[in-house]
N, C-alpha and C. Protein backbone atom coordinates (compact mmCIF):
# COMPACT_ATOMS: atom_id res chain seq x y z
N MET A 1 38.11 15.68 9.58
CA MET A 1 36.77 15.18 9.37
C MET A 1 36.80 13.83 8.65
N VAL A 2 37.67 13.73 7.64
CA VAL A 2 37.77 12.47 6.89
C VAL A 2 38.17 11.34 7.84
N HIS A 3 39.18 11.56 8.68
CA HIS A 3 39.62 10.51 9.59
C HIS A 3 38.55 10.18 10.62
N LEU A 4 37.77 11.16 11.04
CA LEU A 4 36.67 10.87 11.97
C LEU A 4 35.63 9.97 11.31
N LEU A 5 35.24 10.30 10.08
CA LEU A 5 34.26 9.47 9.37
C LEU A 5 34.79 8.08 9.10
N ALA A 6 36.02 8.01 8.61
CA ALA A 6 36.61 6.71 8.30
C ALA A 6 36.80 5.89 9.57
N GLY A 7 37.22 6.54 10.64
CA GLY A 7 37.39 5.86 11.91
C GLY A 7 36.08 5.34 12.47
N ALA A 8 34.99 6.07 12.24
CA ALA A 8 33.68 5.61 12.69
C ALA A 8 33.29 4.33 11.98
N ALA A 9 33.54 4.24 10.69
CA ALA A 9 33.23 3.02 9.95
C ALA A 9 34.11 1.87 10.43
N GLU A 10 35.38 2.13 10.67
CA GLU A 10 36.29 1.09 11.14
C GLU A 10 35.93 0.64 12.55
N THR A 11 35.53 1.56 13.42
CA THR A 11 35.17 1.21 14.78
C THR A 11 33.98 0.25 14.80
N ARG A 12 33.06 0.42 13.87
CA ARG A 12 31.93 -0.49 13.79
C ARG A 12 32.39 -1.91 13.54
N SER A 13 33.52 -2.08 12.85
CA SER A 13 34.00 -3.43 12.59
C SER A 13 35.11 -3.83 13.58
N TRP A 14 35.18 -3.13 14.74
CA TRP A 14 36.09 -3.45 15.84
C TRP A 14 37.55 -3.28 15.46
N ASP A 15 37.85 -2.52 14.47
CA ASP A 15 39.22 -2.28 14.07
C ASP A 15 39.64 -0.90 14.58
N THR A 16 40.93 -0.64 14.54
CA THR A 16 41.40 0.65 15.01
C THR A 16 41.33 1.69 13.90
N ALA A 17 41.22 2.93 14.30
CA ALA A 17 41.21 4.03 13.34
C ALA A 17 42.58 4.20 12.68
N ASN A 18 43.64 3.66 13.29
CA ASN A 18 44.96 3.79 12.68
C ASN A 18 45.06 3.07 11.35
N HIS A 19 44.25 2.04 11.13
CA HIS A 19 44.27 1.35 9.83
C HIS A 19 43.98 2.34 8.71
N VAL A 20 42.94 3.14 8.85
CA VAL A 20 42.58 4.05 7.76
C VAL A 20 43.63 5.15 7.58
N LYS A 21 44.25 5.57 8.66
CA LYS A 21 45.33 6.55 8.53
C LYS A 21 46.51 5.95 7.77
N ARG A 22 46.85 4.70 8.12
CA ARG A 22 47.96 4.03 7.43
C ARG A 22 47.65 3.82 5.95
N VAL A 23 46.42 3.44 5.64
CA VAL A 23 46.04 3.27 4.24
C VAL A 23 46.23 4.58 3.49
N GLY A 24 45.85 5.68 4.09
CA GLY A 24 46.05 6.99 3.45
C GLY A 24 47.51 7.31 3.22
N MET A 25 48.33 7.07 4.23
CA MET A 25 49.76 7.38 4.10
C MET A 25 50.45 6.45 3.10
N ILE A 26 50.09 5.19 3.11
CA ILE A 26 50.69 4.24 2.17
C ILE A 26 50.22 4.54 0.75
N SER A 27 48.97 4.91 0.61
CA SER A 27 48.45 5.28 -0.72
C SER A 27 49.18 6.50 -1.26
N GLU A 28 49.41 7.48 -0.40
CA GLU A 28 50.16 8.66 -0.83
C GLU A 28 51.56 8.27 -1.28
N LEU A 29 52.23 7.45 -0.50
CA LEU A 29 53.59 7.02 -0.84
C LEU A 29 53.60 6.25 -2.16
N LEU A 30 52.69 5.30 -2.32
CA LEU A 30 52.64 4.53 -3.57
C LEU A 30 52.34 5.45 -4.76
N GLY A 31 51.47 6.43 -4.56
CA GLY A 31 51.18 7.39 -5.63
C GLY A 31 52.41 8.19 -6.02
N GLN A 32 53.19 8.62 -5.02
CA GLN A 32 54.43 9.34 -5.31
C GLN A 32 55.39 8.47 -6.09
N LEU A 33 55.56 7.24 -5.65
CA LEU A 33 56.48 6.31 -6.31
C LEU A 33 56.02 5.99 -7.73
N TYR A 34 54.71 6.00 -7.95
CA TYR A 34 54.13 5.72 -9.27
C TYR A 34 54.34 6.89 -10.22
N GLY A 35 54.64 8.07 -9.65
CA GLY A 35 54.89 9.25 -10.48
C GLY A 35 53.72 10.21 -10.57
N LEU A 36 52.74 10.04 -9.69
CA LEU A 36 51.60 10.96 -9.71
C LEU A 36 52.02 12.30 -9.12
N ASP A 37 51.35 13.37 -9.54
CA ASP A 37 51.72 14.70 -9.08
C ASP A 37 51.33 14.90 -7.61
N GLU A 38 51.89 15.93 -7.00
CA GLU A 38 51.71 16.17 -5.57
C GLU A 38 50.25 16.41 -5.20
N ALA A 39 49.51 17.13 -6.01
CA ALA A 39 48.10 17.37 -5.69
C ALA A 39 47.32 16.06 -5.66
N THR A 40 47.62 15.16 -6.58
CA THR A 40 46.93 13.87 -6.63
C THR A 40 47.32 13.00 -5.45
N THR A 41 48.60 12.96 -5.10
CA THR A 41 49.01 12.11 -3.99
C THR A 41 48.49 12.64 -2.65
N THR A 42 48.42 13.95 -2.52
CA THR A 42 47.84 14.53 -1.31
C THR A 42 46.36 14.19 -1.23
N ALA A 43 45.67 14.26 -2.35
CA ALA A 43 44.25 13.89 -2.38
C ALA A 43 44.07 12.41 -2.05
N LEU A 44 44.97 11.56 -2.55
CA LEU A 44 44.90 10.13 -2.23
C LEU A 44 45.04 9.91 -0.73
N ARG A 45 45.98 10.61 -0.10
CA ARG A 45 46.19 10.45 1.35
C ARG A 45 44.91 10.79 2.11
N THR A 46 44.18 11.78 1.64
CA THR A 46 42.99 12.23 2.34
C THR A 46 41.75 11.42 1.97
N ALA A 47 41.63 11.02 0.70
CA ALA A 47 40.42 10.32 0.24
C ALA A 47 40.43 8.82 0.50
N SER A 48 41.58 8.18 0.38
CA SER A 48 41.61 6.72 0.49
C SER A 48 41.18 6.18 1.85
N PRO A 49 41.34 6.92 2.96
CA PRO A 49 40.82 6.38 4.22
C PRO A 49 39.31 6.14 4.23
N LEU A 50 38.60 6.72 3.29
CA LEU A 50 37.15 6.53 3.22
C LEU A 50 36.75 5.32 2.37
N HIS A 51 37.71 4.50 1.97
CA HIS A 51 37.42 3.38 1.07
C HIS A 51 36.33 2.44 1.60
N ASP A 52 36.26 2.25 2.90
CA ASP A 52 35.28 1.32 3.48
C ASP A 52 34.13 2.01 4.19
N ILE A 53 33.89 3.27 3.91
CA ILE A 53 32.82 4.00 4.59
C ILE A 53 31.46 3.33 4.40
N GLY A 54 31.28 2.60 3.31
CA GLY A 54 30.02 1.90 3.06
C GLY A 54 29.72 0.81 4.07
N LYS A 55 30.73 0.42 4.86
CA LYS A 55 30.49 -0.60 5.89
C LYS A 55 29.51 -0.12 6.96
N ILE A 56 29.27 1.19 7.03
CA ILE A 56 28.28 1.67 7.99
C ILE A 56 26.89 1.14 7.66
N GLY A 57 26.68 0.71 6.42
CA GLY A 57 25.39 0.17 6.01
C GLY A 57 25.30 -1.35 6.09
N ILE A 58 26.33 -2.01 6.60
CA ILE A 58 26.35 -3.47 6.70
C ILE A 58 25.90 -3.88 8.10
N PRO A 59 24.96 -4.81 8.22
CA PRO A 59 24.50 -5.24 9.55
C PRO A 59 25.65 -5.76 10.42
N ASP A 60 25.59 -5.47 11.71
CA ASP A 60 26.65 -5.89 12.65
C ASP A 60 26.89 -7.40 12.61
N ALA A 61 25.83 -8.17 12.47
CA ALA A 61 25.97 -9.64 12.48
C ALA A 61 26.86 -10.12 11.34
N VAL A 62 26.85 -9.42 10.22
CA VAL A 62 27.70 -9.77 9.09
C VAL A 62 29.07 -9.12 9.26
N LEU A 63 29.08 -7.85 9.58
CA LEU A 63 30.33 -7.09 9.67
C LEU A 63 31.28 -7.66 10.72
N ASN A 64 30.75 -8.06 11.85
CA ASN A 64 31.59 -8.50 12.97
C ASN A 64 31.60 -10.01 13.16
N LYS A 65 31.19 -10.74 12.17
CA LYS A 65 31.16 -12.20 12.28
C LYS A 65 32.57 -12.75 12.42
N PRO A 66 32.84 -13.52 13.48
CA PRO A 66 34.17 -14.11 13.64
C PRO A 66 34.28 -15.42 12.88
N GLY A 67 34.68 -15.34 11.66
CA GLY A 67 34.80 -16.54 10.84
C GLY A 67 34.34 -16.26 9.42
N PRO A 68 34.39 -17.29 8.59
CA PRO A 68 34.03 -17.10 7.18
C PRO A 68 32.55 -16.75 7.00
N HIS A 69 32.29 -15.95 5.98
CA HIS A 69 30.92 -15.60 5.63
C HIS A 69 30.29 -16.69 4.77
N THR A 70 28.98 -16.83 4.90
CA THR A 70 28.23 -17.69 3.98
C THR A 70 28.17 -16.95 2.65
N PRO A 71 27.77 -17.63 1.57
CA PRO A 71 27.62 -16.93 0.29
C PRO A 71 26.65 -15.74 0.39
N GLU A 72 25.59 -15.88 1.15
CA GLU A 72 24.64 -14.77 1.31
C GLU A 72 25.28 -13.61 2.06
N GLU A 73 26.04 -13.90 3.11
CA GLU A 73 26.72 -12.85 3.87
C GLU A 73 27.79 -12.17 3.01
N THR A 74 28.46 -12.93 2.18
CA THR A 74 29.45 -12.35 1.27
C THR A 74 28.78 -11.36 0.33
N SER A 75 27.62 -11.72 -0.18
CA SER A 75 26.88 -10.81 -1.07
C SER A 75 26.52 -9.52 -0.35
N VAL A 76 26.08 -9.64 0.90
CA VAL A 76 25.75 -8.45 1.69
C VAL A 76 27.00 -7.62 1.92
N MET A 77 28.08 -8.26 2.32
CA MET A 77 29.33 -7.55 2.61
C MET A 77 29.84 -6.80 1.38
N ARG A 78 29.71 -7.40 0.22
CA ARG A 78 30.21 -6.78 -1.00
C ARG A 78 29.44 -5.52 -1.39
N THR A 79 28.27 -5.31 -0.83
CA THR A 79 27.51 -4.10 -1.15
C THR A 79 28.17 -2.85 -0.57
N HIS A 80 29.14 -3.01 0.34
CA HIS A 80 29.74 -1.83 0.97
C HIS A 80 30.43 -0.93 -0.04
N ALA A 81 30.94 -1.48 -1.13
CA ALA A 81 31.63 -0.65 -2.13
C ALA A 81 30.64 0.32 -2.79
N GLU A 82 29.51 -0.19 -3.22
CA GLU A 82 28.51 0.68 -3.85
C GLU A 82 27.83 1.59 -2.84
N LEU A 83 27.59 1.10 -1.62
CA LEU A 83 27.00 1.95 -0.58
C LEU A 83 27.90 3.15 -0.30
N GLY A 84 29.20 2.89 -0.15
CA GLY A 84 30.14 3.98 0.11
C GLY A 84 30.19 4.98 -1.03
N ALA A 85 30.22 4.47 -2.25
CA ALA A 85 30.26 5.36 -3.42
C ALA A 85 29.01 6.23 -3.48
N ARG A 86 27.85 5.65 -3.23
CA ARG A 86 26.60 6.44 -3.24
C ARG A 86 26.62 7.50 -2.16
N LEU A 87 27.07 7.13 -0.97
CA LEU A 87 27.12 8.06 0.15
C LEU A 87 28.02 9.26 -0.16
N LEU A 88 29.19 8.99 -0.72
CA LEU A 88 30.17 10.05 -0.96
C LEU A 88 29.89 10.86 -2.22
N SER A 89 29.26 10.25 -3.20
CA SER A 89 29.09 10.92 -4.49
C SER A 89 28.05 12.03 -4.47
N VAL A 90 27.31 12.17 -3.38
CA VAL A 90 26.34 13.27 -3.32
C VAL A 90 27.03 14.63 -3.19
N SER A 91 28.28 14.61 -2.75
CA SER A 91 29.04 15.85 -2.65
C SER A 91 29.61 16.22 -4.01
N ARG A 92 29.73 17.50 -4.26
CA ARG A 92 30.37 17.99 -5.49
C ARG A 92 31.85 18.30 -5.27
N ARG A 93 32.31 18.15 -4.05
CA ARG A 93 33.71 18.44 -3.74
C ARG A 93 34.61 17.41 -4.43
N PRO A 94 35.64 17.86 -5.13
CA PRO A 94 36.53 16.93 -5.83
C PRO A 94 37.12 15.85 -4.92
N LEU A 95 37.48 16.20 -3.70
CA LEU A 95 38.05 15.23 -2.79
C LEU A 95 37.06 14.10 -2.48
N LEU A 96 35.81 14.46 -2.25
CA LEU A 96 34.81 13.43 -1.95
C LEU A 96 34.40 12.67 -3.21
N GLN A 97 34.51 13.29 -4.37
CA GLN A 97 34.29 12.56 -5.62
C GLN A 97 35.38 11.50 -5.81
N LEU A 98 36.64 11.85 -5.49
CA LEU A 98 37.73 10.88 -5.53
C LEU A 98 37.48 9.77 -4.52
N ALA A 99 37.06 10.13 -3.32
CA ALA A 99 36.78 9.13 -2.29
C ALA A 99 35.66 8.18 -2.74
N ALA A 100 34.65 8.71 -3.42
CA ALA A 100 33.56 7.88 -3.95
C ALA A 100 34.10 6.90 -4.99
N GLU A 101 34.96 7.38 -5.87
CA GLU A 101 35.56 6.52 -6.90
C GLU A 101 36.40 5.41 -6.25
N ILE A 102 37.15 5.77 -5.23
CA ILE A 102 37.97 4.78 -4.52
C ILE A 102 37.09 3.76 -3.82
N ALA A 103 36.05 4.24 -3.13
CA ALA A 103 35.13 3.32 -2.44
C ALA A 103 34.54 2.32 -3.42
N LEU A 104 34.18 2.78 -4.60
CA LEU A 104 33.56 1.91 -5.60
C LEU A 104 34.55 0.93 -6.21
N THR A 105 35.82 1.30 -6.33
CA THR A 105 36.75 0.50 -7.14
C THR A 105 37.85 -0.21 -6.36
N HIS A 106 37.87 -0.10 -5.04
CA HIS A 106 38.99 -0.70 -4.29
C HIS A 106 38.89 -2.22 -4.14
N HIS A 107 37.87 -2.83 -4.71
CA HIS A 107 37.80 -4.31 -4.76
C HIS A 107 37.79 -4.82 -6.20
N GLU A 108 38.11 -3.97 -7.15
CA GLU A 108 38.25 -4.40 -8.54
C GLU A 108 39.64 -5.00 -8.71
N ASN A 109 39.72 -6.17 -9.29
CA ASN A 109 41.00 -6.87 -9.46
C ASN A 109 41.61 -6.59 -10.82
N TRP A 110 42.93 -6.57 -10.86
CA TRP A 110 43.69 -6.28 -12.07
C TRP A 110 43.24 -7.16 -13.24
N ASP A 111 42.89 -8.43 -12.96
CA ASP A 111 42.50 -9.36 -14.02
C ASP A 111 41.00 -9.33 -14.33
N GLY A 112 40.24 -8.47 -13.68
CA GLY A 112 38.81 -8.35 -13.95
C GLY A 112 37.93 -9.23 -13.09
N SER A 113 38.50 -9.95 -12.15
CA SER A 113 37.72 -10.87 -11.33
C SER A 113 37.13 -10.24 -10.07
N GLY A 114 37.31 -8.94 -9.89
CA GLY A 114 36.83 -8.27 -8.67
C GLY A 114 35.38 -7.82 -8.78
N TYR A 115 35.00 -6.96 -7.86
CA TYR A 115 33.62 -6.46 -7.80
C TYR A 115 33.64 -4.98 -7.46
N PRO A 116 32.60 -4.22 -7.70
CA PRO A 116 31.26 -4.63 -8.14
C PRO A 116 31.07 -4.68 -9.65
N ARG A 117 32.00 -4.12 -10.42
CA ARG A 117 31.76 -4.02 -11.87
C ARG A 117 32.62 -4.93 -12.73
N GLY A 118 33.57 -5.62 -12.16
CA GLY A 118 34.44 -6.50 -12.93
C GLY A 118 35.39 -5.75 -13.84
N LEU A 119 35.81 -4.54 -13.43
CA LEU A 119 36.77 -3.78 -14.21
C LEU A 119 38.13 -4.47 -14.18
N SER A 120 38.96 -4.20 -15.19
CA SER A 120 40.29 -4.81 -15.21
C SER A 120 41.33 -3.80 -15.67
N GLY A 121 42.58 -4.10 -15.32
CA GLY A 121 43.71 -3.31 -15.77
C GLY A 121 43.54 -1.83 -15.51
N GLU A 122 43.94 -1.04 -16.50
CA GLU A 122 43.89 0.41 -16.35
C GLU A 122 42.49 0.98 -16.44
N ALA A 123 41.48 0.14 -16.68
CA ALA A 123 40.09 0.61 -16.59
C ALA A 123 39.72 0.88 -15.13
N ILE A 124 40.49 0.30 -14.21
CA ILE A 124 40.30 0.58 -12.78
C ILE A 124 41.04 1.89 -12.50
N PRO A 125 40.37 2.88 -11.97
CA PRO A 125 41.06 4.14 -11.67
C PRO A 125 42.28 3.91 -10.76
N ILE A 126 43.31 4.68 -10.98
CA ILE A 126 44.56 4.51 -10.24
C ILE A 126 44.34 4.61 -8.74
N GLY A 127 43.44 5.46 -8.28
CA GLY A 127 43.17 5.57 -6.85
C GLY A 127 42.64 4.27 -6.27
N GLY A 128 41.79 3.57 -7.00
CA GLY A 128 41.28 2.28 -6.56
C GLY A 128 42.37 1.22 -6.54
N ARG A 129 43.22 1.22 -7.56
CA ARG A 129 44.31 0.24 -7.63
C ARG A 129 45.31 0.42 -6.49
N ILE A 130 45.66 1.67 -6.24
CA ILE A 130 46.61 1.97 -5.16
C ILE A 130 46.00 1.65 -3.80
N THR A 131 44.77 2.11 -3.58
CA THR A 131 44.13 1.90 -2.28
C THR A 131 43.94 0.41 -1.99
N MET A 132 43.61 -0.37 -3.03
CA MET A 132 43.45 -1.81 -2.81
C MET A 132 44.74 -2.41 -2.26
N LEU A 133 45.87 -2.11 -2.88
CA LEU A 133 47.13 -2.69 -2.42
C LEU A 133 47.48 -2.19 -1.03
N ALA A 134 47.32 -0.91 -0.77
CA ALA A 134 47.62 -0.36 0.55
C ALA A 134 46.71 -0.99 1.61
N ASP A 135 45.45 -1.15 1.30
CA ASP A 135 44.47 -1.71 2.23
C ASP A 135 44.78 -3.18 2.52
N VAL A 136 45.00 -3.97 1.49
CA VAL A 136 45.26 -5.40 1.69
C VAL A 136 46.56 -5.59 2.47
N TYR A 137 47.61 -4.90 2.05
CA TYR A 137 48.89 -4.99 2.78
C TYR A 137 48.68 -4.70 4.26
N ASP A 138 48.00 -3.59 4.57
CA ASP A 138 47.85 -3.20 5.97
C ASP A 138 46.89 -4.12 6.71
N ALA A 139 45.80 -4.50 6.09
CA ALA A 139 44.81 -5.35 6.77
C ALA A 139 45.39 -6.72 7.09
N LEU A 140 46.19 -7.27 6.20
CA LEU A 140 46.78 -8.58 6.47
C LEU A 140 47.69 -8.54 7.70
N GLY A 141 48.35 -7.43 7.92
CA GLY A 141 49.26 -7.29 9.05
C GLY A 141 48.57 -6.89 10.35
N SER A 142 47.25 -6.78 10.31
CA SER A 142 46.48 -6.35 11.48
C SER A 142 45.53 -7.45 11.93
N ARG A 143 45.30 -7.50 13.23
CA ARG A 143 44.32 -8.44 13.77
C ARG A 143 42.92 -7.94 13.43
N ARG A 144 42.06 -8.86 13.07
CA ARG A 144 40.65 -8.57 12.80
C ARG A 144 39.81 -9.55 13.60
N CYS A 145 38.51 -9.30 13.68
CA CYS A 145 37.63 -10.18 14.46
C CYS A 145 37.61 -11.59 13.88
N TYR A 146 37.99 -11.74 12.63
CA TYR A 146 37.92 -13.03 11.96
C TYR A 146 39.31 -13.64 11.68
N LYS A 147 40.41 -12.95 12.10
CA LYS A 147 41.74 -13.49 11.82
C LYS A 147 42.80 -12.83 12.68
N ALA A 148 43.91 -13.53 12.85
CA ALA A 148 45.08 -12.96 13.52
C ALA A 148 45.90 -12.17 12.50
N ALA A 149 46.78 -11.30 12.98
CA ALA A 149 47.71 -10.60 12.09
C ALA A 149 48.64 -11.61 11.44
N TRP A 150 48.90 -11.41 10.15
CA TRP A 150 49.80 -12.31 9.42
C TRP A 150 51.25 -11.91 9.63
N PRO A 151 52.17 -12.89 9.64
CA PRO A 151 53.60 -12.57 9.64
C PRO A 151 53.99 -11.90 8.31
N LEU A 152 55.03 -11.09 8.36
CA LEU A 152 55.47 -10.35 7.17
C LEU A 152 55.77 -11.25 5.98
N ASP A 153 56.42 -12.38 6.22
CA ASP A 153 56.74 -13.28 5.10
C ASP A 153 55.48 -13.79 4.42
N ASP A 154 54.43 -14.04 5.18
CA ASP A 154 53.16 -14.51 4.61
C ASP A 154 52.48 -13.40 3.81
N ILE A 155 52.59 -12.16 4.31
CA ILE A 155 52.02 -11.02 3.57
C ILE A 155 52.71 -10.88 2.22
N ARG A 156 54.03 -10.92 2.24
CA ARG A 156 54.80 -10.81 0.99
C ARG A 156 54.43 -11.93 0.03
N ALA A 157 54.35 -13.15 0.54
CA ALA A 157 54.02 -14.30 -0.31
C ALA A 157 52.63 -14.16 -0.93
N TYR A 158 51.67 -13.68 -0.15
CA TYR A 158 50.31 -13.49 -0.68
C TYR A 158 50.31 -12.43 -1.78
N ILE A 159 50.98 -11.32 -1.54
CA ILE A 159 51.02 -10.25 -2.53
C ILE A 159 51.69 -10.74 -3.82
N VAL A 160 52.78 -11.50 -3.69
CA VAL A 160 53.44 -12.07 -4.87
C VAL A 160 52.47 -12.98 -5.61
N GLU A 161 51.78 -13.84 -4.88
CA GLU A 161 50.84 -14.78 -5.48
C GLU A 161 49.71 -14.06 -6.24
N GLN A 162 49.30 -12.91 -5.74
CA GLN A 162 48.17 -12.18 -6.31
C GLN A 162 48.58 -11.11 -7.32
N THR A 163 49.87 -10.97 -7.58
CA THR A 163 50.34 -9.99 -8.56
C THR A 163 49.86 -10.41 -9.95
N GLY A 164 49.24 -9.48 -10.64
CA GLY A 164 48.70 -9.76 -11.97
C GLY A 164 47.29 -10.31 -11.92
N THR A 165 46.86 -10.77 -10.78
CA THR A 165 45.48 -11.24 -10.59
C THR A 165 44.71 -10.16 -9.86
N LYS A 166 45.07 -9.92 -8.62
CA LYS A 166 44.43 -8.90 -7.80
C LYS A 166 45.12 -7.54 -7.98
N PHE A 167 46.44 -7.55 -7.99
CA PHE A 167 47.21 -6.31 -7.94
C PHE A 167 47.93 -6.01 -9.25
N GLU A 168 48.04 -4.71 -9.55
CA GLU A 168 48.83 -4.26 -10.70
C GLU A 168 50.31 -4.57 -10.45
N PRO A 169 50.97 -5.28 -11.36
CA PRO A 169 52.38 -5.65 -11.14
C PRO A 169 53.29 -4.47 -10.84
N ARG A 170 53.13 -3.36 -11.54
CA ARG A 170 54.01 -2.21 -11.30
C ARG A 170 53.88 -1.70 -9.87
N LEU A 171 52.66 -1.67 -9.33
CA LEU A 171 52.46 -1.21 -7.96
C LEU A 171 53.11 -2.16 -6.96
N VAL A 172 53.01 -3.45 -7.21
CA VAL A 172 53.64 -4.42 -6.32
C VAL A 172 55.15 -4.24 -6.33
N GLU A 173 55.72 -4.03 -7.51
CA GLU A 173 57.16 -3.80 -7.60
C GLU A 173 57.57 -2.59 -6.78
N LEU A 174 56.78 -1.52 -6.87
CA LEU A 174 57.08 -0.31 -6.09
C LEU A 174 56.96 -0.58 -4.60
N LEU A 175 55.96 -1.34 -4.19
CA LEU A 175 55.79 -1.70 -2.79
C LEU A 175 57.01 -2.47 -2.28
N PHE A 176 57.43 -3.48 -3.02
CA PHE A 176 58.55 -4.30 -2.58
C PHE A 176 59.87 -3.53 -2.61
N ASP A 177 60.05 -2.66 -3.60
CA ASP A 177 61.27 -1.85 -3.67
C ASP A 177 61.36 -0.85 -2.52
N ASN A 178 60.23 -0.57 -1.89
CA ASN A 178 60.18 0.42 -0.81
C ASN A 178 59.58 -0.17 0.45
N TRP A 179 59.77 -1.46 0.63
CA TRP A 179 59.17 -2.21 1.74
C TRP A 179 59.47 -1.57 3.10
N ASP A 180 60.71 -1.16 3.33
CA ASP A 180 61.07 -0.57 4.62
C ASP A 180 60.33 0.73 4.87
N ARG A 181 60.14 1.53 3.84
CA ARG A 181 59.41 2.79 3.99
C ARG A 181 57.95 2.54 4.33
N VAL A 182 57.36 1.52 3.71
CA VAL A 182 55.97 1.17 4.00
C VAL A 182 55.85 0.60 5.41
N GLN A 183 56.80 -0.24 5.78
CA GLN A 183 56.81 -0.81 7.14
C GLN A 183 56.94 0.31 8.19
N ALA A 184 57.67 1.36 7.85
CA ALA A 184 57.84 2.48 8.79
C ALA A 184 56.50 3.15 9.09
N VAL A 185 55.61 3.18 8.11
CA VAL A 185 54.28 3.76 8.35
C VAL A 185 53.56 2.92 9.41
N ARG A 186 53.63 1.61 9.30
CA ARG A 186 52.99 0.72 10.30
C ARG A 186 53.61 0.94 11.67
N SER A 187 54.92 1.14 11.71
CA SER A 187 55.60 1.34 12.99
C SER A 187 55.19 2.65 13.66
N ARG A 188 55.02 3.68 12.85
CA ARG A 188 54.63 5.00 13.39
C ARG A 188 53.20 5.02 13.91
N LEU A 189 52.33 4.21 13.30
CA LEU A 189 50.90 4.19 13.70
C LEU A 189 50.47 2.75 13.99
N PRO A 190 50.89 2.18 15.11
CA PRO A 190 50.52 0.78 15.38
C PRO A 190 49.05 0.63 15.72
N ASP A 191 48.58 -0.61 15.65
CA ASP A 191 47.18 -0.91 16.02
C ASP A 191 46.98 -0.63 17.50
């Protein structure tokens, strides 16, 4: 059910449903490497694919725009984090509560420059921090309506550049130390 819902949101933005599956699997792996317990990492695998479910509330003209957004369109696009959190938080199920937290926090940056709340460091829940890195890594390597897939060297360079700003340094270290394992997830579930 989670993959169906997440895939529906991704299909609206012309992306494949495999992206959300990969984000879940990469989030689980990063959680394991971070030292989180099995119940938490299993929950991450299931909840993190719903990180962008709020995109169902974004108008098609903004969501599928081929090219940069205007400042007004960026403001509209950024509402997807809070929309997703509101949608998911109506459930009392722990898994959907985690998914709501991830939806709300997967654009919060390590240095506090993210949105919607400007959280920083460990004030950002670990699920949001992990999902952000898994999502950005995977999205950069995938074609989107507004960009081509990036080469691996460019993805690595971007992640290095954003370490300590966007991404938690420890998570980036774990990603790079296990790069082949993460790449294997992309190979198993191509676009």
